[in-house]
C-alpha atoms as a PDB file:
ATOM      1  CA  MET A   1       0.168  -0.062   0.197  1.00  0.00           C
ATOM      2  CA  LYS A   2       1.366   3.444  -0.771  1.00  0.00           C
ATOM      3  CA  ASN A   3       1.932   6.094   1.930  1.00  0.00           C
ATOM      4  CA  ILE A   4      -1.125   8.131   2.631  1.00  0.00           C
ATOM      5  CA  CYS A   5       0.931  11.180   2.842  1.00  0.00           C
ATOM      6  CA  TYR A   6       2.300  10.689  -0.619  1.00  0.00           C
ATOM      7  CA  LEU A   7      -1.236  10.080  -2.007  1.00  0.00           C
ATOM      8  CA  CYS A   8      -2.471  13.156  -0.240  1.00  0.00           C
ATOM      9  CA  ALA A   9       0.302  15.225  -1.442  1.00  0.00           C
ATOM     10  CA  ARG A  10      -0.675  13.902  -5.117  1.00  0.00           C
ATOM     11  CA  PHE A  11      -4.333  15.272  -4.558  1.00  0.00           C
ATOM     12  CA  TYR A  12      -2.881  18.574  -3.225  1.00  0.00           C
ATOM     13  CA  ARG A  13      -0.792  19.190  -6.307  1.00  0.00           C
ATOM     14  CA  ARG A  14      -3.408  17.876  -8.728  1.00  0.00           C
ATOM     15  CA  THR A  15      -6.115  19.996  -7.232  1.00  0.00           C
ATOM     16  CA  MET A  16      -3.847  23.134  -7.159  1.00  0.00           C
ATOM     17  CA  LYS A  17      -3.151  22.460 -10.922  1.00  0.00           C
ATOM     18  CA  GLN A  18      -6.787  22.278 -11.704  1.00  0.00           C
ATOM     19  CA  LEU A  19      -8.144  25.550  -9.866  1.00  0.00           C
ATOM     20  CA  ASN A  20      -6.731  29.163  -9.449  1.00  0.00           C
ATOM     21  CA  THR A  21      -6.381  28.239  -5.792  1.00  0.00           C
ATOM     22  CA  LYS A  22      -4.548  31.665  -5.154  1.00  0.00           C
ATOM     23  CA  LEU A  23      -8.027  33.365  -4.981  1.00  0.00           C
ATOM     24  CA  MET A  24      -9.378  30.787  -2.415  1.00  0.00           C
ATOM     25  CA  HIS A  25      -8.843  31.291   1.323  1.00  0.00           C
ATOM     26  CA  PRO A  26      -6.783  28.344   2.824  1.00  0.00           C
ATOM     27  CA  ALA A  27      -9.803  27.076   4.876  1.00  0.00           C
ATOM     28  CA  GLU A  28     -11.510  26.560   1.528  1.00  0.00           C
ATOM     29  CA  GLN A  29      -8.572  24.779  -0.150  1.00  0.00           C
ATOM     30  CA  LEU A  30      -8.371  22.502   2.804  1.00  0.00           C
ATOM     31  CA  ALA A  31     -12.008  21.829   2.629  1.00  0.00           C
ATOM     32  CA  LEU A  32     -11.779  20.977  -1.176  1.00  0.00           C
ATOM     33  CA  ILE A  33      -8.610  18.700  -0.626  1.00  0.00           C
ATOM     34  CA  ILE A  34      -9.911  17.082   2.298  1.00  0.00           C
ATOM     35  CA  GLY A  35     -13.415  16.122   0.509  1.00  0.00           C
ATOM     36  CA  ARG A  36     -11.304  14.650  -2.557  1.00  0.00           C
ATOM     37  CA  ILE A  37      -9.471  12.481  -0.608  1.00  0.00           C
ATOM     38  CA  TYR A  38     -12.446  11.218   1.328  1.00  0.00           C
ATOM     39  CA  ARG A  39     -14.542  10.553  -1.774  1.00  0.00           C
ATOM     40  CA  SER A  40     -11.594   8.636  -2.939  1.00  0.00           C
ATOM     41  CA  GLY A  41     -11.838   6.345   0.294  1.00  0.00           C
ATOM     42  CA  LEU A  42      -8.456   7.173   1.705  1.00  0.00           C
ATOM     43  CA  THR A  43      -9.606   8.561   4.750  1.00  0.00           C
ATOM     44  CA  THR A  44     -12.645   8.567   7.089  1.00  0.00           C
ATOM     45  CA  THR A  45     -14.543  11.656   8.001  1.00  0.00           C
ATOM     46  CA  SER A  46     -12.863  11.982  11.427  1.00  0.00           C
ATOM     47  CA  GLY A  47      -9.595  10.185  10.631  1.00  0.00           C
ATOM     48  CA  GLY A  48      -6.422  12.419  10.099  1.00  0.00           C
ATOM     49  CA  ASN A  49      -5.412  16.088   9.509  1.00  0.00           C
ATOM     50  CA  LEU A  50      -4.231  18.062   6.602  1.00  0.00           C
ATOM     51  CA  SER A  51      -2.299  21.294   6.760  1.00  0.00           C
ATOM     52  CA  ILE A  52      -1.022  24.021   4.421  1.00  0.00           C
ATOM     53  CA  MET A  53       1.060  27.163   4.882  1.00  0.00           C
ATOM     54  CA  ASP A  54      -0.105  30.238   3.197  1.00  0.00           C
ATOM     55  CA  ASP A  55       1.845  33.139   1.740  1.00  0.00           C
ATOM     56  CA  ASN A  56       2.260  34.675   4.990  1.00  0.00           C
ATOM     57  CA  GLY A  57       3.890  31.582   6.567  1.00  0.00           C
ATOM     58  CA  ASP A  58       0.479  31.211   8.779  1.00  0.00           C
ATOM     59  CA  MET A  59      -0.314  27.327   9.009  1.00  0.00           C
ATOM     60  CA  TRP A  60      -3.975  26.006   8.416  1.00  0.00           C
ATOM     61  CA  ILE A  61      -4.752  22.725   9.986  1.00  0.00           C
ATOM     62  CA  THR A  62      -7.749  20.636   9.680  1.00  0.00           C
ATOM     63  CA  PRO A  63      -8.982  19.022  12.971  1.00  0.00           C
ATOM     64  CA  ALA A  64      -8.861  15.569  13.748  1.00  0.00           C
ATOM     65  CA  GLY A  65     -11.452  13.267  15.397  1.00  0.00           C
ATOM     66  CA  VAL A  66     -14.739  15.440  14.286  1.00  0.00           C
ATOM     67  CA  ASP A  67     -17.705  14.215  12.145  1.00  0.00           C
END
C-alpha cells in the first residue's frame, strides 16, 4: 500500500493545478482537498489531518476526530 501522505500530496498538487487556488481562502483549499481525499476512500470523516502554509507563513490545519 502506498504511503497516505504521498497520496494526499498528489491530490493536493493535482487540485492546485486544476484550480486557481490563489484566489481561494486557505480554509476553502483544505475543505476541497479533504473532500477529494474522503471521496476517494483514503480517509474517514474523522481520520487524520491536513495542513497547508499560506503565503504569510501561517499554518492552516484541519481538526482530527471531528465528524
